[in-house]
Amino acid sequence: MITYDDFKKLELRVAVIKEASFHPDADKLYVLKIDSGGTEKQLVAGIRQHYLPEELIGKQIIIIDNLEPKAVRGIMSNGMLLAASDEDGLSLICPDKPRKPGSTVK
């Protein structure tokens, strides 16, 4: 269990995927370029088995914007996208209506 104060530390924002490329050293990873409200960021995401690159371009997603950067198989990731998974696969968490990149999730 985490406290409510811990949860409030997360900055959840709407972002738009601008580019999706294959990670050069991992079969399950994409390197994504995203717009999170005037700021371009790079994320490494393990969604390659569930989406084609062309399905991702232009898609709005929800990200954790203030996660500490981390190298994933040698490529820096500056955030994390949110997704749901079960025995039937994986789905990105997306706004049900278009929102401006950088909009906060409340």
N, C-alpha and C. Protein backbone atom coordinates (compact mmCIF):
# COMPACT_ATOMS: atom_id res chain seq x y z
N MET A 1 0.83 -1.18 0.00
CA MET A 1 0.00 0.00 0.00
C MET A 1 0.89 1.25 0.00
N ILE A 2 0.45 2.25 -0.78
CA ILE A 2 1.13 3.55 -0.74
C ILE A 2 0.15 4.56 -0.16
N THR A 3 0.68 5.65 0.31
CA THR A 3 -0.18 6.67 0.86
C THR A 3 -0.73 7.55 -0.26
N TYR A 4 -1.77 8.28 0.07
CA TYR A 4 -2.33 9.23 -0.89
C TYR A 4 -1.28 10.28 -1.27
N ASP A 5 -0.48 10.70 -0.28
CA ASP A 5 0.59 11.68 -0.57
C ASP A 5 1.60 11.13 -1.56
N ASP A 6 1.90 9.82 -1.47
CA ASP A 6 2.80 9.20 -2.45
C ASP A 6 2.16 9.24 -3.84
N PHE A 7 0.89 8.90 -3.93
CA PHE A 7 0.18 8.90 -5.22
C PHE A 7 0.18 10.29 -5.84
N LYS A 8 0.00 11.33 -5.02
CA LYS A 8 -0.04 12.70 -5.53
C LYS A 8 1.27 13.13 -6.16
N LYS A 9 2.35 12.44 -5.88
CA LYS A 9 3.65 12.78 -6.45
C LYS A 9 3.72 12.45 -7.94
N LEU A 10 2.89 11.51 -8.39
CA LEU A 10 2.90 11.13 -9.80
C LEU A 10 2.29 12.23 -10.66
N GLU A 11 2.99 12.59 -11.73
CA GLU A 11 2.45 13.53 -12.71
C GLU A 11 1.99 12.73 -13.92
N LEU A 12 0.68 12.50 -13.99
CA LEU A 12 0.09 11.77 -15.11
C LEU A 12 -0.39 12.79 -16.12
N ARG A 13 0.03 12.60 -17.38
CA ARG A 13 -0.29 13.57 -18.43
C ARG A 13 -0.67 12.85 -19.73
N VAL A 14 -1.39 13.60 -20.55
CA VAL A 14 -1.70 13.15 -21.90
C VAL A 14 -0.50 13.46 -22.78
N ALA A 15 -0.14 12.50 -23.62
CA ALA A 15 0.94 12.70 -24.59
C ALA A 15 0.50 12.12 -25.93
N VAL A 16 1.15 12.58 -26.99
CA VAL A 16 0.87 12.07 -28.33
C VAL A 16 2.14 11.40 -28.86
N ILE A 17 1.97 10.21 -29.41
CA ILE A 17 3.11 9.50 -29.99
C ILE A 17 3.40 10.09 -31.37
N LYS A 18 4.62 10.57 -31.56
CA LYS A 18 5.04 11.17 -32.82
C LYS A 18 5.83 10.20 -33.69
N GLU A 19 6.61 9.32 -33.07
CA GLU A 19 7.42 8.34 -33.79
C GLU A 19 7.46 7.05 -32.98
N ALA A 20 7.52 5.93 -33.68
CA ALA A 20 7.69 4.63 -33.05
C ALA A 20 8.69 3.83 -33.87
N SER A 21 9.79 3.45 -33.23
CA SER A 21 10.82 2.67 -33.94
C SER A 21 11.19 1.45 -33.09
N PHE A 22 11.73 0.46 -33.77
CA PHE A 22 12.14 -0.76 -33.09
C PHE A 22 13.39 -0.50 -32.26
N HIS A 23 13.39 -1.02 -31.04
CA HIS A 23 14.60 -0.96 -30.22
C HIS A 23 15.64 -1.86 -30.88
N PRO A 24 16.86 -1.38 -31.05
CA PRO A 24 17.85 -2.17 -31.78
C PRO A 24 18.32 -3.44 -31.05
N ASP A 25 18.10 -3.51 -29.74
CA ASP A 25 18.62 -4.65 -28.96
C ASP A 25 17.54 -5.41 -28.19
N ALA A 26 16.27 -5.28 -28.61
CA ALA A 26 15.20 -5.97 -27.88
C ALA A 26 14.01 -6.23 -28.78
N ASP A 27 13.54 -7.45 -28.81
CA ASP A 27 12.43 -7.83 -29.67
C ASP A 27 11.06 -7.35 -29.18
N LYS A 28 10.94 -7.01 -27.90
CA LYS A 28 9.65 -6.65 -27.34
C LYS A 28 9.49 -5.14 -27.12
N LEU A 29 10.51 -4.37 -27.45
CA LEU A 29 10.51 -2.94 -27.10
C LEU A 29 10.42 -2.03 -28.33
N TYR A 30 9.71 -0.92 -28.13
CA TYR A 30 9.73 0.20 -29.07
C TYR A 30 10.45 1.38 -28.41
N VAL A 31 11.03 2.22 -29.22
CA VAL A 31 11.52 3.52 -28.79
C VAL A 31 10.51 4.52 -29.34
N LEU A 32 9.84 5.24 -28.45
CA LEU A 32 8.78 6.17 -28.83
C LEU A 32 9.24 7.60 -28.62
N LYS A 33 8.96 8.47 -29.57
CA LYS A 33 9.13 9.91 -29.41
C LYS A 33 7.72 10.45 -29.17
N ILE A 34 7.56 11.18 -28.08
CA ILE A 34 6.24 11.68 -27.72
C ILE A 34 6.27 13.19 -27.49
N ASP A 35 5.10 13.80 -27.64
CA ASP A 35 4.89 15.20 -27.29
C ASP A 35 4.04 15.21 -26.04
N SER A 36 4.61 15.73 -24.95
CA SER A 36 3.88 15.79 -23.69
C SER A 36 3.52 17.22 -23.32
N GLY A 37 3.19 18.01 -24.33
CA GLY A 37 2.78 19.38 -24.09
C GLY A 37 3.89 20.37 -24.36
N GLY A 38 4.40 20.35 -25.58
CA GLY A 38 5.47 21.26 -25.94
C GLY A 38 6.85 20.72 -25.65
N THR A 39 6.92 19.60 -24.97
CA THR A 39 8.19 18.96 -24.67
C THR A 39 8.24 17.61 -25.37
N GLU A 40 9.28 17.39 -26.19
CA GLU A 40 9.44 16.08 -26.79
C GLU A 40 10.26 15.21 -25.86
N LYS A 41 9.78 13.99 -25.66
CA LYS A 41 10.46 13.03 -24.80
C LYS A 41 10.62 11.73 -25.54
N GLN A 42 11.48 10.89 -25.00
CA GLN A 42 11.68 9.56 -25.53
C GLN A 42 11.30 8.55 -24.46
N LEU A 43 10.49 7.57 -24.84
CA LEU A 43 10.12 6.48 -23.94
C LEU A 43 10.54 5.16 -24.57
N VAL A 44 10.90 4.21 -23.75
CA VAL A 44 11.10 2.84 -24.20
C VAL A 44 9.95 2.04 -23.59
N ALA A 45 9.20 1.34 -24.45
CA ALA A 45 7.99 0.65 -23.99
C ALA A 45 7.92 -0.77 -24.53
N GLY A 46 7.53 -1.69 -23.68
CA GLY A 46 7.42 -3.10 -24.04
C GLY A 46 6.07 -3.46 -24.63
N ILE A 47 5.73 -2.82 -25.74
CA ILE A 47 4.42 -3.03 -26.37
C ILE A 47 4.52 -3.53 -27.79
N ARG A 48 5.69 -3.92 -28.21
CA ARG A 48 5.94 -4.28 -29.61
C ARG A 48 5.14 -5.50 -30.07
N GLN A 49 4.85 -6.42 -29.18
CA GLN A 49 4.10 -7.61 -29.55
C GLN A 49 2.61 -7.33 -29.70
N HIS A 50 2.17 -6.12 -29.36
CA HIS A 50 0.74 -5.81 -29.33
C HIS A 50 0.32 -4.74 -30.33
N TYR A 51 1.29 -3.95 -30.84
CA TYR A 51 0.98 -2.86 -31.76
C TYR A 51 2.01 -2.79 -32.88
N LEU A 52 1.55 -2.41 -34.06
CA LEU A 52 2.46 -2.09 -35.15
C LEU A 52 2.85 -0.62 -35.01
N PRO A 53 4.02 -0.23 -35.51
CA PRO A 53 4.44 1.17 -35.38
C PRO A 53 3.41 2.15 -35.95
N GLU A 54 2.82 1.83 -37.11
CA GLU A 54 1.86 2.73 -37.74
C GLU A 54 0.57 2.88 -36.93
N GLU A 55 0.25 1.92 -36.07
CA GLU A 55 -0.93 2.03 -35.20
C GLU A 55 -0.70 3.02 -34.07
N LEU A 56 0.54 3.28 -33.76
CA LEU A 56 0.88 4.12 -32.62
C LEU A 56 1.00 5.60 -32.97
N ILE A 57 1.41 5.91 -34.19
CA ILE A 57 1.64 7.30 -34.58
C ILE A 57 0.34 8.10 -34.47
N GLY A 58 0.40 9.21 -33.73
CA GLY A 58 -0.76 10.07 -33.55
C GLY A 58 -1.66 9.67 -32.39
N LYS A 59 -1.40 8.53 -31.78
CA LYS A 59 -2.25 8.05 -30.68
C LYS A 59 -1.97 8.84 -29.42
N GLN A 60 -3.03 9.23 -28.73
CA GLN A 60 -2.89 9.86 -27.43
C GLN A 60 -2.80 8.77 -26.37
N ILE A 61 -1.87 8.95 -25.44
CA ILE A 61 -1.65 7.99 -24.37
C ILE A 61 -1.55 8.74 -23.05
N ILE A 62 -1.55 7.99 -21.97
CA ILE A 62 -1.31 8.56 -20.64
C ILE A 62 0.08 8.11 -20.21
N ILE A 63 0.86 9.08 -19.72
CA ILE A 63 2.22 8.77 -19.28
C ILE A 63 2.43 9.24 -17.84
N ILE A 64 3.41 8.62 -17.20
CA ILE A 64 3.96 9.15 -15.95
C ILE A 64 5.09 10.06 -16.39
N ASP A 65 4.90 11.36 -16.21
CA ASP A 65 5.79 12.36 -16.80
C ASP A 65 7.00 12.66 -15.92
N ASN A 66 6.91 12.38 -14.64
CA ASN A 66 8.00 12.76 -13.74
C ASN A 66 8.77 11.55 -13.20
N LEU A 67 8.78 10.46 -13.94
CA LEU A 67 9.55 9.29 -13.55
C LEU A 67 11.02 9.53 -13.84
N GLU A 68 11.86 9.11 -12.92
CA GLU A 68 13.30 9.28 -13.10
C GLU A 68 13.76 8.59 -14.39
N PRO A 69 14.57 9.27 -15.22
CA PRO A 69 15.06 8.64 -16.45
C PRO A 69 15.86 7.38 -16.15
N LYS A 70 15.73 6.40 -17.07
CA LYS A 70 16.43 5.13 -16.89
C LYS A 70 16.81 4.57 -18.25
N ALA A 71 18.00 4.00 -18.33
CA ALA A 71 18.43 3.33 -19.55
C ALA A 71 17.78 1.95 -19.61
N VAL A 72 17.12 1.65 -20.72
CA VAL A 72 16.50 0.35 -20.94
C VAL A 72 17.21 -0.27 -22.13
N ARG A 73 18.01 -1.27 -21.85
CA ARG A 73 18.81 -1.91 -22.89
C ARG A 73 19.64 -0.89 -23.66
N GLY A 74 20.21 0.08 -22.93
CA GLY A 74 21.12 1.04 -23.53
C GLY A 74 20.48 2.28 -24.11
N ILE A 75 19.15 2.40 -24.06
CA ILE A 75 18.45 3.58 -24.60
C ILE A 75 17.72 4.25 -23.45
N MET A 76 17.88 5.57 -23.34
CA MET A 76 17.25 6.30 -22.24
C MET A 76 15.74 6.40 -22.43
N SER A 77 15.03 6.14 -21.33
CA SER A 77 13.58 6.30 -21.29
C SER A 77 13.27 7.38 -20.27
N ASN A 78 12.48 8.37 -20.69
CA ASN A 78 12.18 9.53 -19.85
C ASN A 78 10.71 9.58 -19.47
N GLY A 79 10.23 8.50 -18.92
CA GLY A 79 8.83 8.41 -18.51
C GLY A 79 8.34 6.99 -18.74
N MET A 80 7.04 6.81 -18.53
CA MET A 80 6.44 5.49 -18.72
C MET A 80 5.00 5.68 -19.19
N LEU A 81 4.60 4.87 -20.17
CA LEU A 81 3.21 4.91 -20.59
C LEU A 81 2.40 3.94 -19.74
N LEU A 82 1.09 4.17 -19.68
CA LEU A 82 0.21 3.28 -18.92
C LEU A 82 -0.53 2.36 -19.87
N ALA A 83 -0.65 1.11 -19.47
CA ALA A 83 -1.35 0.10 -20.26
C ALA A 83 -1.98 -0.90 -19.31
N ALA A 84 -2.99 -1.59 -19.80
CA ALA A 84 -3.64 -2.66 -19.04
C ALA A 84 -3.41 -3.96 -19.77
N SER A 85 -3.19 -5.05 -19.02
CA SER A 85 -2.97 -6.34 -19.67
C SER A 85 -3.70 -7.44 -18.91
N ASP A 86 -4.09 -8.43 -19.66
CA ASP A 86 -4.67 -9.65 -19.11
C ASP A 86 -4.35 -10.79 -20.05
N GLU A 87 -5.00 -11.92 -19.87
CA GLU A 87 -4.69 -13.09 -20.70
C GLU A 87 -5.03 -12.87 -22.17
N ASP A 88 -5.83 -11.85 -22.50
CA ASP A 88 -6.19 -11.57 -23.89
C ASP A 88 -5.28 -10.57 -24.57
N GLY A 89 -4.33 -9.99 -23.84
CA GLY A 89 -3.41 -9.06 -24.47
C GLY A 89 -3.20 -7.80 -23.67
N LEU A 90 -2.83 -6.73 -24.38
CA LEU A 90 -2.47 -5.47 -23.77
C LEU A 90 -3.19 -4.33 -24.49
N SER A 91 -3.62 -3.34 -23.73
CA SER A 91 -4.26 -2.14 -24.29
C SER A 91 -3.66 -0.91 -23.65
N LEU A 92 -3.34 0.07 -24.48
CA LEU A 92 -2.86 1.34 -23.96
C LEU A 92 -3.99 2.07 -23.27
N ILE A 93 -3.67 2.80 -22.23
CA ILE A 93 -4.65 3.65 -21.55
C ILE A 93 -4.66 4.98 -22.29
N CYS A 94 -5.83 5.33 -22.84
CA CYS A 94 -5.97 6.51 -23.70
C CYS A 94 -7.18 7.32 -23.26
N PRO A 95 -7.15 8.65 -23.45
CA PRO A 95 -8.35 9.46 -23.18
C PRO A 95 -9.48 9.04 -24.12
N ASP A 96 -10.71 9.10 -23.64
CA ASP A 96 -11.84 8.74 -24.51
C ASP A 96 -12.22 9.88 -25.46
N LYS A 97 -11.70 11.09 -25.19
CA LYS A 97 -11.89 12.24 -26.08
C LYS A 97 -10.52 12.90 -26.25
N PRO A 98 -10.25 13.47 -27.41
CA PRO A 98 -8.94 14.13 -27.60
C PRO A 98 -8.72 15.24 -26.57
N ARG A 99 -7.50 15.31 -26.05
CA ARG A 99 -7.09 16.35 -25.11
C ARG A 99 -5.76 16.92 -25.58
N LYS A 100 -5.46 18.12 -25.16
CA LYS A 100 -4.19 18.75 -25.51
C LYS A 100 -3.04 17.97 -24.88
N PRO A 101 -1.96 17.78 -25.64
CA PRO A 101 -0.78 17.16 -25.02
C PRO A 101 -0.35 17.98 -23.81
N GLY A 102 -0.01 17.28 -22.74
CA GLY A 102 0.36 17.93 -21.50
C GLY A 102 -0.77 18.08 -20.51
N SER A 103 -2.01 17.83 -20.97
CA SER A 103 -3.14 17.90 -20.03
C SER A 103 -2.91 16.94 -18.88
N THR A 104 -3.29 17.37 -17.69
CA THR A 104 -3.08 16.53 -16.51
C THR A 104 -4.22 15.55 -16.34
N VAL A 105 -3.88 14.41 -15.79
CA VAL A 105 -4.87 13.39 -15.45
C VAL A 105 -5.17 13.57 -13.98
N LYS A 106 -6.44 13.68 -13.67
CA LYS A 106 -6.86 13.92 -12.29
C LYS A 106 -7.66 12.79 -11.75
